[in-house]
Amino acid sequence: MGEPRILILHKPFNRLDKNGKAYIHDFLKTLKFEGKIMLLASHNAPDLTMACDKVYEFKDKHLVQGEIA
């Protein structure tokens, strides 16, 4: 994967069991500690709020709600 400065992930927690989600959360925390910028897309707000500093909601390609986390 190299050393990207920005990482874009689409539904990184989708269809994962409890252990898989925990692994991804730990992985994202490590990347955050390393200073990586991550853009995550998900339909599950609780997963995002656990993994992200800021969460925004979009509908039909428009920002409908400001920061929710």
N, C-alpha and C. Protein backbone atom coordinates (compact mmCIF):
# COMPACT_ATOMS: atom_id res chain seq x y z
N MET A 1 0.82 -1.18 0.00
CA MET A 1 0.00 0.00 0.00
C MET A 1 0.87 1.25 0.00
N GLY A 2 2.10 1.15 0.33
CA GLY A 2 2.95 2.32 0.37
C GLY A 2 2.68 3.15 1.61
N GLU A 3 2.95 4.44 1.53
CA GLU A 3 2.76 5.35 2.66
C GLU A 3 1.88 6.52 2.23
N PRO A 4 0.59 6.28 2.00
CA PRO A 4 -0.27 7.40 1.59
C PRO A 4 -0.47 8.39 2.73
N ARG A 5 -0.58 9.66 2.37
CA ARG A 5 -0.84 10.68 3.38
C ARG A 5 -2.32 10.75 3.71
N ILE A 6 -3.15 10.46 2.70
CA ILE A 6 -4.59 10.46 2.88
C ILE A 6 -5.13 9.09 2.50
N LEU A 7 -5.98 8.55 3.36
CA LEU A 7 -6.56 7.23 3.14
C LEU A 7 -8.08 7.39 3.04
N ILE A 8 -8.67 6.89 1.94
CA ILE A 8 -10.11 6.97 1.73
C ILE A 8 -10.67 5.55 1.83
N LEU A 9 -11.60 5.35 2.77
CA LEU A 9 -12.18 4.03 2.99
C LEU A 9 -13.70 4.09 2.87
N HIS A 10 -14.25 3.22 2.06
CA HIS A 10 -15.70 3.16 1.87
C HIS A 10 -16.24 1.96 2.64
N LYS A 11 -17.05 2.24 3.64
CA LYS A 11 -17.67 1.22 4.49
C LYS A 11 -16.65 0.23 5.07
N PRO A 12 -15.65 0.73 5.79
CA PRO A 12 -14.59 -0.17 6.29
C PRO A 12 -15.07 -1.16 7.35
N PHE A 13 -16.24 -0.92 7.95
CA PHE A 13 -16.73 -1.82 9.01
C PHE A 13 -17.83 -2.75 8.51
N ASN A 14 -18.20 -2.62 7.24
CA ASN A 14 -19.32 -3.37 6.69
C ASN A 14 -19.08 -4.88 6.74
N ARG A 15 -20.05 -5.60 7.27
CA ARG A 15 -20.06 -7.06 7.33
C ARG A 15 -18.95 -7.68 8.17
N LEU A 16 -18.39 -6.90 9.09
CA LEU A 16 -17.36 -7.43 9.97
C LEU A 16 -17.99 -7.87 11.29
N ASP A 17 -17.44 -8.93 11.87
CA ASP A 17 -17.90 -9.33 13.19
C ASP A 17 -17.26 -8.42 14.24
N LYS A 18 -17.57 -8.66 15.49
CA LYS A 18 -17.07 -7.82 16.59
C LYS A 18 -15.54 -7.74 16.59
N ASN A 19 -14.87 -8.86 16.37
CA ASN A 19 -13.40 -8.86 16.37
C ASN A 19 -12.84 -8.11 15.17
N GLY A 20 -13.49 -8.25 14.03
CA GLY A 20 -13.04 -7.54 12.84
C GLY A 20 -13.17 -6.04 13.00
N LYS A 21 -14.30 -5.59 13.57
CA LYS A 21 -14.49 -4.17 13.83
C LYS A 21 -13.44 -3.64 14.80
N ALA A 22 -13.15 -4.40 15.84
CA ALA A 22 -12.13 -3.99 16.82
C ALA A 22 -10.77 -3.85 16.15
N TYR A 23 -10.45 -4.79 15.25
CA TYR A 23 -9.16 -4.74 14.54
C TYR A 23 -9.08 -3.47 13.69
N ILE A 24 -10.14 -3.17 12.95
CA ILE A 24 -10.14 -1.98 12.10
C ILE A 24 -10.05 -0.71 12.94
N HIS A 25 -10.76 -0.66 14.07
CA HIS A 25 -10.68 0.51 14.96
C HIS A 25 -9.25 0.71 15.45
N ASP A 26 -8.60 -0.36 15.87
CA ASP A 26 -7.21 -0.26 16.33
C ASP A 26 -6.29 0.19 15.20
N PHE A 27 -6.52 -0.34 14.01
CA PHE A 27 -5.71 0.03 12.84
C PHE A 27 -5.88 1.52 12.53
N LEU A 28 -7.11 2.01 12.57
CA LEU A 28 -7.36 3.43 12.29
C LEU A 28 -6.75 4.32 13.38
N LYS A 29 -6.80 3.88 14.62
CA LYS A 29 -6.17 4.65 15.70
C LYS A 29 -4.67 4.75 15.49
N THR A 30 -4.06 3.67 15.03
CA THR A 30 -2.63 3.68 14.73
C THR A 30 -2.31 4.67 13.62
N LEU A 31 -3.11 4.63 12.56
CA LEU A 31 -2.90 5.56 11.45
C LEU A 31 -3.08 7.01 11.91
N LYS A 32 -4.08 7.24 12.75
CA LYS A 32 -4.30 8.59 13.27
C LYS A 32 -3.10 9.06 14.09
N PHE A 33 -2.57 8.18 14.94
CA PHE A 33 -1.40 8.50 15.74
C PHE A 33 -0.20 8.85 14.86
N GLU A 34 -0.13 8.21 13.69
CA GLU A 34 0.96 8.47 12.75
C GLU A 34 0.74 9.75 11.93
N GLY A 35 -0.41 10.40 12.14
CA GLY A 35 -0.68 11.65 11.45
C GLY A 35 -1.36 11.50 10.11
N LYS A 36 -1.90 10.34 9.82
CA LYS A 36 -2.58 10.12 8.54
C LYS A 36 -3.94 10.82 8.55
N ILE A 37 -4.36 11.25 7.40
CA ILE A 37 -5.69 11.82 7.22
C ILE A 37 -6.56 10.74 6.62
N MET A 38 -7.75 10.53 7.21
CA MET A 38 -8.64 9.48 6.72
C MET A 38 -10.01 10.05 6.42
N LEU A 39 -10.56 9.62 5.32
CA LEU A 39 -11.93 9.95 4.95
C LEU A 39 -12.69 8.63 4.91
N LEU A 40 -13.68 8.49 5.79
CA LEU A 40 -14.44 7.25 5.89
C LEU A 40 -15.88 7.49 5.48
N ALA A 41 -16.45 6.58 4.73
CA ALA A 41 -17.87 6.63 4.37
C ALA A 41 -18.55 5.43 5.00
N SER A 42 -19.68 5.68 5.66
CA SER A 42 -20.40 4.59 6.31
C SER A 42 -21.84 5.01 6.55
N HIS A 43 -22.73 4.02 6.62
CA HIS A 43 -24.12 4.27 6.98
C HIS A 43 -24.33 4.08 8.48
N ASN A 44 -23.29 3.69 9.19
CA ASN A 44 -23.40 3.38 10.61
C ASN A 44 -22.66 4.45 11.43
N ALA A 45 -23.39 5.44 11.91
CA ALA A 45 -22.78 6.54 12.65
C ALA A 45 -22.02 6.09 13.89
N PRO A 46 -22.49 5.10 14.68
CA PRO A 46 -21.71 4.69 15.85
C PRO A 46 -20.30 4.21 15.52
N ASP A 47 -20.14 3.51 14.40
CA ASP A 47 -18.79 3.09 14.00
C ASP A 47 -17.92 4.30 13.72
N LEU A 48 -18.47 5.29 13.05
CA LEU A 48 -17.70 6.47 12.71
C LEU A 48 -17.34 7.29 13.94
N THR A 49 -18.29 7.46 14.85
CA THR A 49 -18.01 8.28 16.02
C THR A 49 -16.94 7.65 16.91
N MET A 50 -16.82 6.32 16.87
CA MET A 50 -15.77 5.66 17.65
C MET A 50 -14.41 5.82 16.99
N ALA A 51 -14.39 5.99 15.66
CA ALA A 51 -13.13 6.00 14.93
C ALA A 51 -12.66 7.40 14.53
N CYS A 52 -13.54 8.38 14.55
CA CYS A 52 -13.22 9.69 13.96
C CYS A 52 -13.31 10.83 14.97
N ASP A 53 -12.56 11.88 14.68
CA ASP A 53 -12.65 13.10 15.47
C ASP A 53 -13.87 13.92 15.07
N LYS A 54 -14.18 13.92 13.78
CA LYS A 54 -15.30 14.71 13.26
C LYS A 54 -16.12 13.82 12.34
N VAL A 55 -17.45 13.96 12.44
CA VAL A 55 -18.37 13.21 11.60
C VAL A 55 -19.39 14.19 11.03
N TYR A 56 -19.62 14.10 9.73
CA TYR A 56 -20.59 14.95 9.05
C TYR A 56 -21.59 14.06 8.34
N GLU A 57 -22.82 14.55 8.21
CA GLU A 57 -23.87 13.79 7.54
C GLU A 57 -24.20 14.45 6.20
N PHE A 58 -24.26 13.61 5.16
CA PHE A 58 -24.61 14.07 3.82
C PHE A 58 -25.85 13.33 3.33
N LYS A 59 -26.66 14.02 2.55
CA LYS A 59 -27.81 13.39 1.90
C LYS A 59 -27.92 13.97 0.50
N ASP A 60 -28.02 13.11 -0.49
CA ASP A 60 -28.12 13.55 -1.87
C ASP A 60 -26.99 14.51 -2.23
N LYS A 61 -25.78 14.16 -1.82
CA LYS A 61 -24.56 14.91 -2.13
C LYS A 61 -24.47 16.28 -1.47
N HIS A 62 -25.31 16.52 -0.45
CA HIS A 62 -25.29 17.81 0.23
C HIS A 62 -25.11 17.60 1.74
N LEU A 63 -24.38 18.50 2.35
CA LEU A 63 -24.21 18.47 3.80
C LEU A 63 -25.54 18.84 4.45
N VAL A 64 -26.12 17.90 5.20
CA VAL A 64 -27.41 18.18 5.84
C VAL A 64 -27.29 18.45 7.32
N GLN A 65 -26.19 18.04 7.89
CA GLN A 65 -25.98 18.27 9.31
C GLN A 65 -24.49 18.50 9.52
N GLY A 66 -24.16 19.48 10.32
CA GLY A 66 -22.76 19.77 10.61
C GLY A 66 -22.15 18.67 11.45
N GLU A 67 -21.10 19.00 12.08
CA GLU A 67 -20.35 18.03 12.88
C GLU A 67 -21.26 17.38 13.91
N ILE A 68 -21.30 16.02 13.93
CA ILE A 68 -22.15 15.30 14.87
C ILE A 68 -21.35 14.50 15.87
N ALA A 69 -20.04 14.57 15.80
CA ALA A 69 -19.21 13.83 16.77
C ALA A 69 -18.30 14.77 17.49
